[in-house]
Protein backbone atom coordinates (compact mmCIF):
# COMPACT_ATOMS: atom_id res chain seq x y z
CA MET A 1 -7.78 -22.27 5.26
CA ASN A 2 -10.55 -20.57 3.32
CA ILE A 3 -10.77 -16.76 3.60
CA PRO A 4 -13.92 -15.00 2.33
CA GLY A 5 -13.10 -13.08 -0.84
CA LEU A 6 -9.82 -14.94 -1.38
CA GLY A 7 -10.63 -18.64 -1.18
CA GLU A 8 -7.93 -21.05 -0.08
CA VAL A 9 -4.78 -19.44 1.31
CA ALA A 10 -1.41 -20.95 2.15
CA LYS A 11 0.31 -20.25 5.44
CA ASP A 12 4.01 -19.51 5.84
CA ASP A 13 4.56 -21.01 9.29
CA SER A 14 7.92 -19.28 9.72
CA ILE A 15 6.27 -15.83 9.91
CA GLY A 16 2.60 -16.74 10.37
CA TRP A 17 1.37 -14.95 7.25
CA HIS A 18 -1.28 -16.29 4.88
CA TYR A 19 -0.87 -15.87 1.09
CA SER A 20 -3.69 -16.02 -1.43
CA GLU A 21 -3.47 -17.41 -4.91
CA PRO A 22 -2.92 -14.59 -7.45
CA VAL A 23 -6.01 -12.40 -7.92
CA ASN A 24 -6.59 -9.45 -10.21
CA VAL A 25 -6.75 -6.16 -8.30
CA GLU A 26 -8.83 -3.50 -10.06
CA VAL A 27 -7.32 -0.49 -8.26
CA LEU A 28 -3.89 -1.61 -9.50
CA ASP A 29 -5.06 -1.73 -13.14
CA GLY A 30 -6.03 -5.38 -12.83
CA LYS A 31 -2.52 -6.41 -11.76
CA GLU A 32 -2.25 -9.98 -10.54
CA CYS A 33 -1.37 -9.95 -6.83
CA ARG A 34 -1.04 -12.35 -3.94
CA ILE A 35 -2.91 -10.89 -0.99
CA VAL A 36 -1.02 -11.33 2.29
CA LEU A 37 -2.71 -11.52 5.69
CA ASP A 38 -0.67 -10.62 8.76
CA GLY A 39 -2.12 -11.32 12.22
CA TYR A 40 -5.26 -13.00 10.91
CA ASP A 41 -5.11 -16.16 13.03
CA GLU A 42 -5.03 -14.39 16.38
CA ASP A 43 -7.45 -11.58 15.47
CA ALA A 44 -10.77 -11.67 17.33
CA ALA A 45 -12.66 -9.75 14.61
CA LYS A 46 -11.79 -11.59 11.41
CA GLU A 47 -14.81 -10.01 9.69
CA ASP A 48 -12.84 -6.71 9.69
CA PHE A 49 -10.21 -8.43 7.54
CA HIS A 50 -12.92 -9.83 5.26
CA SER A 51 -14.43 -6.36 4.84
CA ALA A 52 -11.06 -4.74 4.06
CA ILE A 53 -10.27 -7.47 1.52
CA ALA A 54 -13.66 -7.10 -0.19
CA ASN A 55 -13.26 -3.33 -0.32
CA PHE A 56 -9.72 -3.48 -1.67
CA LEU A 57 -10.63 -5.96 -4.39
CA SER A 58 -13.56 -3.84 -5.57
CA ILE A 59 -12.31 -0.24 -5.45
CA PRO A 60 -11.64 1.44 -8.82
CA ARG A 61 -8.37 2.97 -10.05
CA ALA A 62 -9.88 6.40 -9.31
CA VAL A 63 -9.11 5.79 -5.63
CA LEU A 64 -5.38 5.95 -6.45
CA LYS A 65 -5.92 9.03 -8.61
CA ASP A 66 -7.30 10.78 -5.52
CA ALA A 67 -3.87 10.27 -3.86
CA GLU A 68 -1.88 11.57 -6.84
CA ALA A 69 -1.19 15.03 -5.38
CA HIS A 70 0.12 13.49 -2.15
CA ILE A 71 2.37 11.08 -4.03
CA TYR A 72 3.69 14.01 -6.07
CA CYS A 73 4.35 15.94 -2.84
CA TYR A 74 6.42 12.99 -1.59
CA TYR A 75 8.41 13.05 -4.86
CA GLN A 76 8.97 16.82 -4.54
CA ASP A 77 10.20 16.49 -0.94
CA VAL A 78 12.71 13.80 -1.90
CA ASN A 79 13.81 15.57 -5.07
CA ALA A 80 14.33 18.87 -3.22
CA GLN A 81 17.27 17.21 -1.48
CA CYS A 82 19.08 16.87 -4.83
CA GLU A 83 20.76 19.44 -7.03
CA PRO A 84 19.55 19.58 -10.67
CA ASP A 85 22.93 18.31 -11.91
CA ASP A 86 22.98 15.36 -9.44
CA GLU A 87 22.63 11.90 -10.91
CA GLU A 88 19.73 11.24 -8.51
CA PHE A 89 17.77 14.32 -9.63
CA LEU A 90 14.57 13.40 -11.42
CA SER A 91 12.32 15.82 -13.29
CA ILE A 92 8.63 14.97 -12.97
CA GLU A 93 6.46 17.81 -14.21
CA SER A 94 3.04 16.87 -12.82
CA PRO A 95 1.28 14.59 -10.34
CA ARG A 96 -0.11 12.53 -13.21
CA GLU A 97 3.39 11.98 -14.64
CA ALA A 98 4.58 10.49 -11.33
CA TRP A 99 2.80 7.22 -12.21
CA ASN A 100 5.37 6.72 -15.00
CA HIS A 101 8.00 6.39 -12.26
CA ILE A 102 6.16 3.96 -9.97
CA ASP A 103 6.10 0.16 -10.07
CA LEU A 104 3.05 -0.83 -8.04
CA GLY A 105 3.66 -3.73 -5.68
CA ASP A 106 2.09 -7.15 -6.10
CA GLU A 107 1.73 -8.34 -2.48
CA PRO A 108 -0.70 -6.08 -0.61
CA ILE A 109 -0.55 -6.84 3.12
CA VAL A 110 -3.78 -6.81 5.14
CA SER A 111 -3.21 -6.23 8.85
CA ARG A 112 -4.67 -4.59 11.91
CA CYS A 113 -3.03 -1.48 13.32
CA PRO A 114 -1.72 -2.55 16.73
CA TYR A 115 -2.57 0.81 18.35
CA GLY A 116 -4.45 4.00 17.56
CA ASP A 117 -7.74 3.24 15.84
CA ARG A 118 -6.92 -0.50 15.67
CA GLY A 119 -8.41 -0.53 12.18
CA VAL A 120 -7.59 -2.97 9.41
CA TYR A 121 -5.46 -1.55 6.62
CA VAL A 122 -4.06 -2.76 3.31
CA SER A 123 -0.44 -1.70 2.80
CA LEU A 124 1.20 -1.77 -0.62
CA GLU A 125 4.97 -1.53 -1.01
CA CYS A 126 5.96 -0.02 -4.37
CA ASN A 127 9.18 0.89 -6.11
CA CYS A 128 9.62 4.45 -7.31
CA ASP A 129 12.40 6.06 -9.33
CA TRP A 130 12.83 9.06 -7.02
CA GLU A 131 13.50 6.98 -3.88
CA PRO A 132 15.02 3.60 -4.76
CA GLU A 133 16.07 2.86 -1.17
CA HIS A 134 12.78 3.48 0.70
CA GLY A 135 10.33 3.21 -2.19
CA LEU A 136 6.71 4.23 -1.87
CA GLN A 137 4.13 2.91 0.56
CA ILE A 138 0.44 3.35 -0.19
CA VAL A 139 -1.94 2.42 2.63
CA PHE A 140 -5.69 1.91 2.23
CA LYS A 141 -7.82 2.31 5.37
CA ASN A 142 -10.26 -0.59 5.56
CA GLY A 143 -9.10 -1.37 2.03
CA ALA A 144 -11.36 1.40 0.74
CA GLN A 145 -9.47 4.69 0.55
CA VAL A 146 -5.88 5.86 0.54
CA SER A 147 -5.01 7.08 4.01
CA LYS A 148 -1.20 7.27 3.85
CA VAL A 149 1.51 7.72 1.23
CA GLY A 150 5.23 8.20 1.68
CA PRO A 151 8.43 6.19 2.06
CA TYR A 152 7.94 2.56 2.97
CA ASP A 153 8.30 2.43 6.75
CA GLY A 154 5.89 -0.37 7.62
CA HIS A 155 3.60 1.92 9.63
CA LEU A 156 -0.09 1.90 8.74
CA THR A 157 -0.88 5.50 9.70
CA HIS A 158 1.04 8.76 9.64
CA LYS A 159 0.24 9.27 13.30
CA ASP A 160 2.08 6.04 14.03
CA ALA A 161 4.98 7.03 11.77
CA ASN A 162 4.90 10.76 12.61
CA VAL A 163 4.94 11.67 8.90
CA VAL A 164 2.98 14.49 7.27
CA TYR A 165 2.26 13.62 3.60
CA ARG A 166 -1.40 12.86 4.20
């Protein structure tokens, strides 16, 4: 199947997801990623997926910088549960420094929120040093702007997850 902005994609029939060939993603410092589409086949407004993909592939790194303070807040909340002499305690002095402790994911998932605004979002699962179990989820509304950061919970909006980071 050919998806605008991605070209030919392969389908994993066991879960119904489509996977692109590796593409460079500017917002992730040009990292090579396979874009994943969840729910594309049955969606009535595929052009919403196409728009989110085009946006995500063209946004600059500055879009992530705009979320830096919220990511740092997530780090602070997790770290506040540790004592300074705990093995898990991590000292990050500034929002900018948090990036040194994040491994950005390489399989952004494009999907439609099943309730609420029913928008199309791009969700990125990342590893982070301060929360190795739940990691970091960064969600881009319509692929254009960060709309949610926090532990990876699979939800596309904070309203859906009942979380307050952003």
